[in-house]
Amino acid sequence: MSEKSQWRNRIVERRMMRVGELKPFNLNPKHHPHVQNERLKALLDKFGIVGEILAFRDDKGDLVCFDGHARQGLDPNQEWPVCILDLTFSEVKELILFFDPVAALAQYDSPRQMDLMQDLRSVDGVLGAFLDELAKDSGFKRSQPPAKKNGKSKSPVVCPHCGEELS
């Protein structure tokens, strides 16, 4: 058993504020295509605000948004929860290169993912089309008609890698 790590907490404050009050981090290497903004807006319309925007103070003391500029671009007057970190400009330049790519390394458990997609067969519109893309990428058809199994109506879920029925 390994010794418990003691990581420094870099969060110094959380507050609600108009996202337009934050300066953008001009060195952010990411841009957000129209389709991503459309899907983000659909998620916000359906679920509301469920996450924070990340910011730090620059050498002038201004708050700078380094994670959340897509949300910032949707409506600068919208109030968002902002997590303010005590990172330096140099640290943010480094962190921004790793932050999203590390999150993207997560791997999906195919049976669980397909079960969730099956449960969401009735989702339509922008999010439905997005789910169909995700399902196609994982080898699953979200629109499969329900099949009777043990007296219950449920579509069989088949692993796209081995062909084994998972449900």
N, C-alpha and C. Protein backbone atom coordinates (compact mmCIF):
# COMPACT_ATOMS: atom_id res chain seq x y z
N MET A 1 0.85 -1.18 0.00
CA MET A 1 0.00 0.00 0.00
C MET A 1 0.89 1.24 0.00
N SER A 2 0.58 2.17 -0.87
CA SER A 2 1.41 3.36 -0.97
C SER A 2 0.99 4.41 0.05
N GLU A 3 1.95 5.27 0.36
CA GLU A 3 1.70 6.38 1.28
C GLU A 3 0.78 7.39 0.62
N LYS A 4 -0.12 7.98 1.39
CA LYS A 4 -1.07 8.96 0.85
C LYS A 4 -0.32 10.20 0.38
N SER A 5 -0.65 10.65 -0.82
CA SER A 5 -0.04 11.86 -1.37
C SER A 5 -0.66 13.09 -0.74
N GLN A 6 0.12 14.12 -0.64
CA GLN A 6 -0.36 15.39 -0.11
C GLN A 6 -0.18 16.45 -1.18
N TRP A 7 -1.22 16.63 -1.99
CA TRP A 7 -1.15 17.62 -3.05
C TRP A 7 -1.58 18.98 -2.53
N ARG A 8 -0.93 19.99 -3.02
CA ARG A 8 -1.23 21.36 -2.63
C ARG A 8 -2.55 21.78 -3.26
N ASN A 9 -3.43 22.35 -2.48
CA ASN A 9 -4.71 22.85 -2.98
C ASN A 9 -4.48 24.23 -3.57
N ARG A 10 -4.68 24.36 -4.88
CA ARG A 10 -4.43 25.62 -5.58
C ARG A 10 -5.70 26.47 -5.71
N ILE A 11 -6.82 25.96 -5.22
CA ILE A 11 -8.06 26.72 -5.26
C ILE A 11 -8.05 27.73 -4.12
N VAL A 12 -8.19 29.01 -4.47
CA VAL A 12 -8.17 30.04 -3.44
C VAL A 12 -9.54 30.69 -3.24
N GLU A 13 -10.42 30.55 -4.23
CA GLU A 13 -11.73 31.18 -4.10
C GLU A 13 -12.68 30.60 -5.14
N ARG A 14 -13.95 30.57 -4.79
CA ARG A 14 -15.02 30.25 -5.74
C ARG A 14 -16.04 31.38 -5.62
N ARG A 15 -16.51 31.84 -6.79
CA ARG A 15 -17.53 32.89 -6.78
C ARG A 15 -18.37 32.82 -8.03
N MET A 16 -19.57 33.39 -7.94
CA MET A 16 -20.44 33.55 -9.09
C MET A 16 -20.12 34.91 -9.70
N MET A 17 -19.97 34.93 -11.02
CA MET A 17 -19.72 36.20 -11.68
C MET A 17 -20.07 36.12 -13.15
N ARG A 18 -20.32 37.28 -13.74
CA ARG A 18 -20.55 37.34 -15.18
C ARG A 18 -19.29 36.89 -15.88
N VAL A 19 -19.45 35.93 -16.79
CA VAL A 19 -18.29 35.37 -17.45
C VAL A 19 -17.58 36.40 -18.33
N GLY A 20 -18.30 37.41 -18.79
CA GLY A 20 -17.70 38.48 -19.59
C GLY A 20 -16.74 39.35 -18.80
N GLU A 21 -16.77 39.27 -17.47
CA GLU A 21 -15.84 40.04 -16.64
C GLU A 21 -14.45 39.42 -16.61
N LEU A 22 -14.34 38.18 -17.07
CA LEU A 22 -13.05 37.50 -17.10
C LEU A 22 -12.31 37.84 -18.38
N LYS A 23 -11.01 38.09 -18.26
CA LYS A 23 -10.19 38.27 -19.46
C LYS A 23 -9.94 36.88 -20.06
N PRO A 24 -9.89 36.78 -21.38
CA PRO A 24 -9.54 35.50 -21.99
C PRO A 24 -8.04 35.24 -21.89
N PHE A 25 -7.67 33.99 -21.82
CA PHE A 25 -6.26 33.60 -21.85
C PHE A 25 -5.86 33.50 -23.32
N ASN A 26 -5.19 34.51 -23.81
CA ASN A 26 -4.92 34.62 -25.25
C ASN A 26 -3.98 33.56 -25.80
N LEU A 27 -3.30 32.82 -24.95
CA LEU A 27 -2.40 31.77 -25.42
C LEU A 27 -3.08 30.40 -25.44
N ASN A 28 -4.38 30.37 -25.17
CA ASN A 28 -5.10 29.10 -25.19
C ASN A 28 -5.00 28.50 -26.59
N PRO A 29 -4.48 27.27 -26.71
CA PRO A 29 -4.31 26.69 -28.04
C PRO A 29 -5.58 26.07 -28.62
N LYS A 30 -6.65 26.02 -27.84
CA LYS A 30 -7.88 25.38 -28.31
C LYS A 30 -8.82 26.40 -28.95
N HIS A 31 -9.51 25.94 -29.96
CA HIS A 31 -10.63 26.70 -30.51
C HIS A 31 -11.81 25.73 -30.56
N HIS A 32 -12.98 26.28 -30.59
CA HIS A 32 -14.18 25.45 -30.51
C HIS A 32 -15.01 25.61 -31.77
N PRO A 33 -15.12 24.53 -32.55
CA PRO A 33 -15.89 24.61 -33.79
C PRO A 33 -17.38 24.76 -33.50
N HIS A 34 -18.10 25.19 -34.53
CA HIS A 34 -19.54 25.43 -34.40
C HIS A 34 -20.27 24.22 -33.82
N VAL A 35 -19.95 23.02 -34.30
CA VAL A 35 -20.67 21.82 -33.84
C VAL A 35 -20.48 21.61 -32.33
N GLN A 36 -19.29 21.90 -31.80
CA GLN A 36 -19.07 21.75 -30.37
C GLN A 36 -19.89 22.78 -29.59
N ASN A 37 -19.90 24.02 -30.05
CA ASN A 37 -20.69 25.05 -29.38
C ASN A 37 -22.18 24.72 -29.42
N GLU A 38 -22.63 24.17 -30.54
CA GLU A 38 -24.03 23.77 -30.68
C GLU A 38 -24.38 22.68 -29.65
N ARG A 39 -23.49 21.71 -29.51
CA ARG A 39 -23.71 20.62 -28.55
C ARG A 39 -23.61 21.12 -27.11
N LEU A 40 -22.68 22.01 -26.86
CA LEU A 40 -22.55 22.59 -25.52
C LEU A 40 -23.83 23.35 -25.15
N LYS A 41 -24.34 24.13 -26.08
CA LYS A 41 -25.58 24.87 -25.82
C LYS A 41 -26.73 23.92 -25.56
N ALA A 42 -26.81 22.83 -26.32
CA ALA A 42 -27.87 21.84 -26.09
C ALA A 42 -27.75 21.21 -24.71
N LEU A 43 -26.53 20.92 -24.27
CA LEU A 43 -26.33 20.38 -22.92
C LEU A 43 -26.75 21.39 -21.86
N LEU A 44 -26.38 22.65 -22.07
CA LEU A 44 -26.75 23.70 -21.11
C LEU A 44 -28.27 23.88 -21.09
N ASP A 45 -28.91 23.83 -22.26
CA ASP A 45 -30.37 23.96 -22.32
C ASP A 45 -31.04 22.82 -21.55
N LYS A 46 -30.48 21.63 -21.65
CA LYS A 46 -31.09 20.46 -21.01
C LYS A 46 -30.78 20.38 -19.51
N PHE A 47 -29.51 20.59 -19.14
CA PHE A 47 -29.09 20.35 -17.76
C PHE A 47 -28.77 21.61 -16.97
N GLY A 48 -28.52 22.72 -17.66
CA GLY A 48 -28.10 23.93 -16.95
C GLY A 48 -26.61 23.91 -16.68
N ILE A 49 -26.18 24.77 -15.80
CA ILE A 49 -24.76 24.89 -15.46
C ILE A 49 -24.42 23.80 -14.45
N VAL A 50 -23.46 22.95 -14.83
CA VAL A 50 -23.07 21.84 -13.95
C VAL A 50 -21.56 21.81 -13.69
N GLY A 51 -20.85 22.83 -14.13
CA GLY A 51 -19.40 22.88 -13.92
C GLY A 51 -18.91 24.29 -13.79
N GLU A 52 -17.69 24.40 -13.33
CA GLU A 52 -17.07 25.70 -13.09
C GLU A 52 -16.18 26.13 -14.25
N ILE A 53 -15.94 27.40 -14.31
CA ILE A 53 -14.93 27.97 -15.20
C ILE A 53 -13.68 28.16 -14.35
N LEU A 54 -12.51 27.87 -14.93
CA LEU A 54 -11.25 28.01 -14.20
C LEU A 54 -10.57 29.31 -14.59
N ALA A 55 -10.06 30.01 -13.57
CA ALA A 55 -9.41 31.30 -13.80
C ALA A 55 -8.23 31.46 -12.85
N PHE A 56 -7.35 32.38 -13.18
CA PHE A 56 -6.23 32.75 -12.33
C PHE A 56 -6.06 34.26 -12.41
N ARG A 57 -5.30 34.82 -11.49
CA ARG A 57 -5.03 36.26 -11.51
C ARG A 57 -3.72 36.51 -12.24
N ASP A 58 -3.77 37.44 -13.21
CA ASP A 58 -2.53 37.79 -13.91
C ASP A 58 -1.72 38.76 -13.06
N ASP A 59 -0.59 39.21 -13.59
CA ASP A 59 0.30 40.09 -12.81
C ASP A 59 -0.32 41.44 -12.50
N LYS A 60 -1.41 41.80 -13.18
CA LYS A 60 -2.13 43.04 -12.88
C LYS A 60 -3.26 42.81 -11.88
N GLY A 61 -3.49 41.55 -11.52
CA GLY A 61 -4.57 41.22 -10.59
C GLY A 61 -5.91 40.93 -11.26
N ASP A 62 -5.93 40.98 -12.60
CA ASP A 62 -7.17 40.68 -13.32
C ASP A 62 -7.41 39.18 -13.38
N LEU A 63 -8.67 38.79 -13.34
CA LEU A 63 -9.02 37.38 -13.46
C LEU A 63 -9.01 36.99 -14.93
N VAL A 64 -8.33 35.89 -15.22
CA VAL A 64 -8.16 35.40 -16.59
C VAL A 64 -8.74 33.99 -16.68
N CYS A 65 -9.65 33.80 -17.63
CA CYS A 65 -10.27 32.50 -17.87
C CYS A 65 -9.33 31.65 -18.73
N PHE A 66 -8.91 30.48 -18.20
CA PHE A 66 -8.09 29.61 -19.03
C PHE A 66 -8.77 28.28 -19.34
N ASP A 67 -9.90 28.01 -18.72
CA ASP A 67 -10.69 26.84 -19.06
C ASP A 67 -12.16 27.23 -18.96
N GLY A 68 -12.81 27.33 -20.11
CA GLY A 68 -14.21 27.73 -20.13
C GLY A 68 -14.50 28.81 -21.15
N HIS A 69 -13.56 29.05 -22.06
CA HIS A 69 -13.79 30.15 -22.99
C HIS A 69 -14.89 29.85 -24.00
N ALA A 70 -15.22 28.57 -24.23
CA ALA A 70 -16.37 28.28 -25.10
C ALA A 70 -17.65 28.76 -24.42
N ARG A 71 -17.77 28.47 -23.13
CA ARG A 71 -18.93 28.93 -22.37
C ARG A 71 -18.94 30.45 -22.30
N GLN A 72 -17.77 31.03 -22.19
CA GLN A 72 -17.65 32.48 -22.13
C GLN A 72 -18.17 33.11 -23.43
N GLY A 73 -17.95 32.43 -24.55
CA GLY A 73 -18.37 32.95 -25.84
C GLY A 73 -19.87 32.82 -26.10
N LEU A 74 -20.55 31.94 -25.36
CA LEU A 74 -21.99 31.75 -25.59
C LEU A 74 -22.80 32.95 -25.13
N ASP A 75 -22.47 33.48 -23.96
CA ASP A 75 -23.21 34.63 -23.43
C ASP A 75 -22.35 35.30 -22.36
N PRO A 76 -21.71 36.43 -22.69
CA PRO A 76 -20.83 37.09 -21.72
C PRO A 76 -21.57 37.62 -20.49
N ASN A 77 -22.89 37.73 -20.55
CA ASN A 77 -23.65 38.23 -19.40
C ASN A 77 -24.11 37.13 -18.46
N GLN A 78 -23.92 35.88 -18.86
CA GLN A 78 -24.33 34.76 -18.03
C GLN A 78 -23.44 34.67 -16.79
N GLU A 79 -24.06 34.46 -15.65
CA GLU A 79 -23.29 34.23 -14.42
C GLU A 79 -22.90 32.76 -14.35
N TRP A 80 -21.64 32.52 -14.01
CA TRP A 80 -21.10 31.17 -13.89
C TRP A 80 -20.35 31.05 -12.56
N PRO A 81 -20.28 29.84 -12.04
CA PRO A 81 -19.37 29.63 -10.92
C PRO A 81 -17.94 29.64 -11.46
N VAL A 82 -17.10 30.42 -10.83
CA VAL A 82 -15.71 30.54 -11.26
C VAL A 82 -14.81 30.05 -10.12
N CYS A 83 -13.93 29.14 -10.47
CA CYS A 83 -12.95 28.60 -9.54
C CYS A 83 -11.65 29.35 -9.79
N ILE A 84 -11.19 30.11 -8.80
CA ILE A 84 -10.00 30.93 -8.95
C ILE A 84 -8.82 30.19 -8.32
N LEU A 85 -7.78 30.01 -9.12
CA LEU A 85 -6.61 29.24 -8.71
C LEU A 85 -5.42 30.17 -8.50
N ASP A 86 -4.51 29.77 -7.64
CA ASP A 86 -3.32 30.60 -7.39
C ASP A 86 -2.16 30.17 -8.30
N LEU A 87 -2.46 29.91 -9.54
CA LEU A 87 -1.44 29.54 -10.52
C LEU A 87 -0.80 30.79 -11.10
N THR A 88 0.46 30.66 -11.49
CA THR A 88 1.14 31.76 -12.18
C THR A 88 0.87 31.65 -13.68
N PHE A 89 1.16 32.72 -14.39
CA PHE A 89 1.01 32.73 -15.84
C PHE A 89 1.80 31.57 -16.46
N SER A 90 3.01 31.38 -15.99
CA SER A 90 3.87 30.32 -16.50
C SER A 90 3.27 28.93 -16.22
N GLU A 91 2.70 28.74 -15.04
CA GLU A 91 2.07 27.46 -14.70
C GLU A 91 0.85 27.20 -15.59
N VAL A 92 0.07 28.23 -15.85
CA VAL A 92 -1.12 28.06 -16.68
C VAL A 92 -0.71 27.68 -18.10
N LYS A 93 0.36 28.31 -18.63
CA LYS A 93 0.84 27.95 -19.96
C LYS A 93 1.19 26.47 -20.03
N GLU A 94 1.75 25.94 -18.99
CA GLU A 94 2.11 24.52 -18.96
C GLU A 94 0.88 23.64 -18.73
N LEU A 95 0.07 23.99 -17.75
CA LEU A 95 -1.10 23.19 -17.40
C LEU A 95 -2.07 23.05 -18.57
N ILE A 96 -2.27 24.12 -19.31
CA ILE A 96 -3.25 24.09 -20.39
C ILE A 96 -2.89 23.09 -21.49
N LEU A 97 -1.61 22.77 -21.60
CA LEU A 97 -1.19 21.77 -22.58
C LEU A 97 -1.53 20.34 -22.14
N PHE A 98 -1.66 20.12 -20.83
CA PHE A 98 -1.88 18.78 -20.31
C PHE A 98 -3.30 18.52 -19.83
N PHE A 99 -4.00 19.56 -19.42
CA PHE A 99 -5.29 19.44 -18.73
C PHE A 99 -6.30 18.59 -19.48
N ASP A 100 -6.69 18.99 -20.67
CA ASP A 100 -7.67 18.24 -21.47
C ASP A 100 -7.10 16.93 -22.02
N PRO A 101 -5.85 16.91 -22.51
CA PRO A 101 -5.32 15.64 -23.00
C PRO A 101 -5.26 14.53 -21.94
N VAL A 102 -4.98 14.88 -20.70
CA VAL A 102 -4.99 13.85 -19.65
C VAL A 102 -6.42 13.33 -19.45
N ALA A 103 -7.40 14.22 -19.43
CA ALA A 103 -8.80 13.79 -19.29
C ALA A 103 -9.21 12.91 -20.47
N ALA A 104 -8.70 13.22 -21.66
CA ALA A 104 -9.06 12.45 -22.86
C ALA A 104 -8.48 11.03 -22.84
N LEU A 105 -7.55 10.74 -21.95
CA LEU A 105 -6.97 9.40 -21.85
C LEU A 105 -7.91 8.39 -21.18
N ALA A 106 -8.98 8.89 -20.57
CA ALA A 106 -9.94 7.98 -19.93
C ALA A 106 -10.50 7.03 -20.99
N GLN A 107 -10.72 5.79 -20.58
CA GLN A 107 -11.25 4.79 -21.50
C GLN A 107 -12.64 4.38 -21.04
N TYR A 108 -13.51 4.15 -22.02
CA TYR A 108 -14.87 3.75 -21.71
C TYR A 108 -14.97 2.25 -21.49
N ASP A 109 -15.81 1.87 -20.56
CA ASP A 109 -16.20 0.49 -20.35
C ASP A 109 -17.34 0.26 -21.34
N SER A 110 -17.07 -0.45 -22.44
CA SER A 110 -18.04 -0.59 -23.53
C SER A 110 -19.41 -1.09 -23.08
N PRO A 111 -19.48 -2.16 -22.27
CA PRO A 111 -20.81 -2.62 -21.85
C PRO A 111 -21.59 -1.54 -21.08
N ARG A 112 -20.93 -0.83 -20.20
CA ARG A 112 -21.62 0.23 -19.45
C ARG A 112 -22.04 1.37 -20.37
N GLN A 113 -21.14 1.75 -21.27
CA GLN A 113 -21.46 2.82 -22.21
C GLN A 113 -22.66 2.44 -23.05
N MET A 114 -22.69 1.21 -23.55
CA MET A 114 -23.80 0.79 -24.40
C MET A 114 -25.09 0.67 -23.61
N ASP A 115 -25.01 0.25 -22.34
CA ASP A 115 -26.21 0.22 -21.50
C ASP A 115 -26.78 1.63 -21.33
N LEU A 116 -25.90 2.60 -21.09
CA LEU A 116 -26.35 3.98 -20.95
C LEU A 116 -26.98 4.49 -22.24
N MET A 117 -26.35 4.17 -23.36
CA MET A 117 -26.90 4.61 -24.64
C MET A 117 -28.26 3.98 -24.90
N GLN A 118 -28.42 2.72 -24.53
CA GLN A 118 -29.69 2.04 -24.71
C GLN A 118 -30.77 2.73 -23.88
N ASP A 119 -30.41 3.14 -22.66
CA ASP A 119 -31.37 3.83 -21.79
C ASP A 119 -31.78 5.18 -22.36
N LEU A 120 -30.98 5.73 -23.26
CA LEU A 120 -31.23 7.07 -23.81
C LEU A 120 -31.73 7.02 -25.25
N ARG A 121 -32.38 5.93 -25.64
CA ARG A 121 -32.86 5.81 -27.02
C ARG A 121 -33.84 6.91 -27.39
N SER A 122 -34.56 7.48 -26.43
CA SER A 122 -35.58 8.47 -26.76
C SER A 122 -35.02 9.89 -26.89
N VAL A 123 -33.75 10.11 -26.59
CA VAL A 123 -33.16 11.44 -26.72
C VAL A 123 -33.08 11.80 -28.20
N ASP A 124 -33.54 13.03 -28.53
CA ASP A 124 -33.51 13.44 -29.93
C ASP A 124 -32.86 14.81 -30.07
N GLY A 125 -33.00 15.41 -31.22
CA GLY A 125 -32.43 16.73 -31.47
C GLY A 125 -30.91 16.68 -31.56
N VAL A 126 -30.28 17.77 -31.20
CA VAL A 126 -28.82 17.88 -31.27
C VAL A 126 -28.16 16.80 -30.42
N LEU A 127 -28.68 16.58 -29.21
CA LEU A 127 -28.07 15.58 -28.33
C LEU A 127 -28.32 14.17 -28.84
N GLY A 128 -29.47 13.92 -29.43
CA GLY A 128 -29.76 12.61 -30.01
C GLY A 128 -28.80 12.29 -31.15
N ALA A 129 -28.59 13.27 -32.03
CA ALA A 129 -27.65 13.08 -33.14
C ALA A 129 -26.24 12.83 -32.62
N PHE A 130 -25.86 13.54 -31.56
CA PHE A 130 -24.55 13.35 -30.96
C PHE A 130 -24.44 11.94 -30.37
N LEU A 131 -25.48 11.50 -29.68
CA LEU A 131 -25.47 10.14 -29.13
C LEU A 131 -25.36 9.10 -30.24
N ASP A 132 -26.04 9.33 -31.35
CA ASP A 132 -25.94 8.40 -32.48
C ASP A 132 -24.50 8.32 -33.00
N GLU A 133 -23.82 9.46 -33.05
CA GLU A 133 -22.40 9.46 -33.46
C GLU A 133 -21.56 8.67 -32.48
N LEU A 134 -21.78 8.92 -31.18
CA LEU A 134 -21.01 8.19 -30.16
C LEU A 134 -21.28 6.70 -30.24
N ALA A 135 -22.54 6.34 -30.44
CA ALA A 135 -22.91 4.92 -30.55
C ALA A 135 -22.24 4.30 -31.76
N LYS A 136 -22.29 4.99 -32.89
CA LYS A 136 -21.68 4.47 -34.11
C LYS A 136 -20.18 4.25 -33.91
N ASP A 137 -19.52 5.22 -33.25
CA ASP A 137 -18.08 5.11 -33.00
C ASP A 137 -17.74 3.90 -32.13
N SER A 138 -18.68 3.49 -31.27
CA SER A 138 -18.43 2.34 -30.41
C SER A 138 -19.04 1.05 -30.96
N GLY A 139 -19.61 1.11 -32.17
CA GLY A 139 -20.14 -0.09 -32.81
C GLY A 139 -21.52 -0.50 -32.35
N PHE A 140 -22.28 0.42 -31.79
CA PHE A 140 -23.59 0.12 -31.24
C PHE A 140 -24.63 0.96 -31.95
N LYS A 141 -25.80 0.40 -32.18
CA LYS A 141 -26.89 1.16 -32.78
C LYS A 141 -27.88 1.51 -31.68
N ARG A 142 -27.95 2.78 -31.35
CA ARG A 142 -28.83 3.26 -30.30
C ARG A 142 -30.29 3.10 -30.67
N SER A 143 -30.59 3.05 -31.94
CA SER A 143 -31.98 3.01 -32.38
C SER A 143 -32.52 1.59 -32.55
N GLN A 144 -31.79 0.59 -32.06
CA GLN A 144 -32.28 -0.78 -32.18
C GLN A 144 -33.63 -0.92 -31.50
N PRO A 145 -34.58 -1.65 -32.12
CA PRO A 145 -35.87 -1.85 -31.48
C PRO A 145 -35.73 -2.77 -30.28
N PRO A 146 -36.55 -2.58 -29.25
CA PRO A 146 -36.48 -3.44 -28.08
C PRO A 146 -36.79 -4.89 -28.45
N ALA A 147 -36.10 -5.81 -27.79
CA ALA A 147 -36.34 -7.25 -27.96
C ALA A 147 -36.75 -7.82 -26.61
N LYS A 148 -37.62 -8.83 -26.63
CA LYS A 148 -38.05 -9.46 -25.38
C LYS A 148 -36.94 -10.37 -24.86
N LYS A 149 -36.63 -10.21 -23.60
CA LYS A 149 -35.63 -11.06 -22.96
C LYS A 149 -36.10 -11.30 -21.53
N ASN A 150 -36.34 -12.56 -21.18
CA ASN A 150 -36.83 -12.92 -19.85
C ASN A 150 -38.11 -12.16 -19.50
N GLY A 151 -38.98 -11.97 -20.50
CA GLY A 151 -40.25 -11.30 -20.27
C GLY A 151 -40.14 -9.79 -20.22
N LYS A 152 -38.94 -9.26 -20.31
CA LYS A 152 -38.76 -7.81 -20.26
C LYS A 152 -38.37 -7.32 -21.64
N SER A 153 -38.80 -6.12 -21.97
CA SER A 153 -38.44 -5.54 -23.25
C SER A 153 -37.09 -4.86 -23.12
N LYS A 154 -36.09 -5.44 -23.82
CA LYS A 154 -34.76 -4.87 -23.76
C LYS A 154 -34.00 -5.27 -25.01
N SER A 155 -33.28 -4.34 -25.60
CA SER A 155 -32.49 -4.66 -26.78
C SER A 155 -31.22 -5.37 -26.35
N PRO A 156 -30.80 -6.36 -27.13
CA PRO A 156 -29.53 -6.99 -26.81
C PRO A 156 -28.40 -6.00 -27.06
N VAL A 157 -27.42 -6.02 -26.18
CA VAL A 157 -26.25 -5.18 -26.35
C VAL A 157 -25.11 -6.11 -26.70
N VAL A 158 -24.49 -5.85 -27.84
CA VAL A 158 -23.43 -6.71 -28.33
C VAL A 158 -22.12 -5.94 -28.33
N CYS A 159 -21.09 -6.55 -27.76
CA CYS A 159 -19.77 -5.91 -27.74
C CYS A 159 -19.27 -5.77 -29.17
N PRO A 160 -18.88 -4.54 -29.58
CA PRO A 160 -18.42 -4.35 -30.95
C PRO A 160 -17.06 -4.99 -31.21
N HIS A 161 -16.35 -5.37 -30.16
CA HIS A 161 -15.00 -5.93 -30.32
C HIS A 161 -15.01 -7.45 -30.46
N CYS A 162 -15.86 -8.12 -29.64
CA CYS A 162 -15.85 -9.59 -29.66
C CYS A 162 -17.15 -10.20 -30.14
N GLY A 163 -18.22 -9.42 -30.23
CA GLY A 163 -19.50 -9.92 -30.71
C GLY A 163 -20.34 -10.60 -29.64
N GLU A 164 -19.84 -10.66 -28.41
CA GLU A 164 -20.58 -11.31 -27.32
C GLU A 164 -21.75 -10.44 -26.87
N GLU A 165 -22.89 -11.08 -26.61
CA GLU A 165 -24.05 -10.34 -26.09
C GLU A 165 -23.76 -9.98 -24.65
N LEU A 166 -23.96 -8.71 -24.31
CA LEU A 166 -23.56 -8.20 -23.00
C LEU A 166 -24.72 -7.98 -22.06
N SER A 167 -25.95 -7.92 -22.58
CA SER A 167 -27.07 -7.61 -21.68
C SER A 167 -27.76 -8.85 -21.19
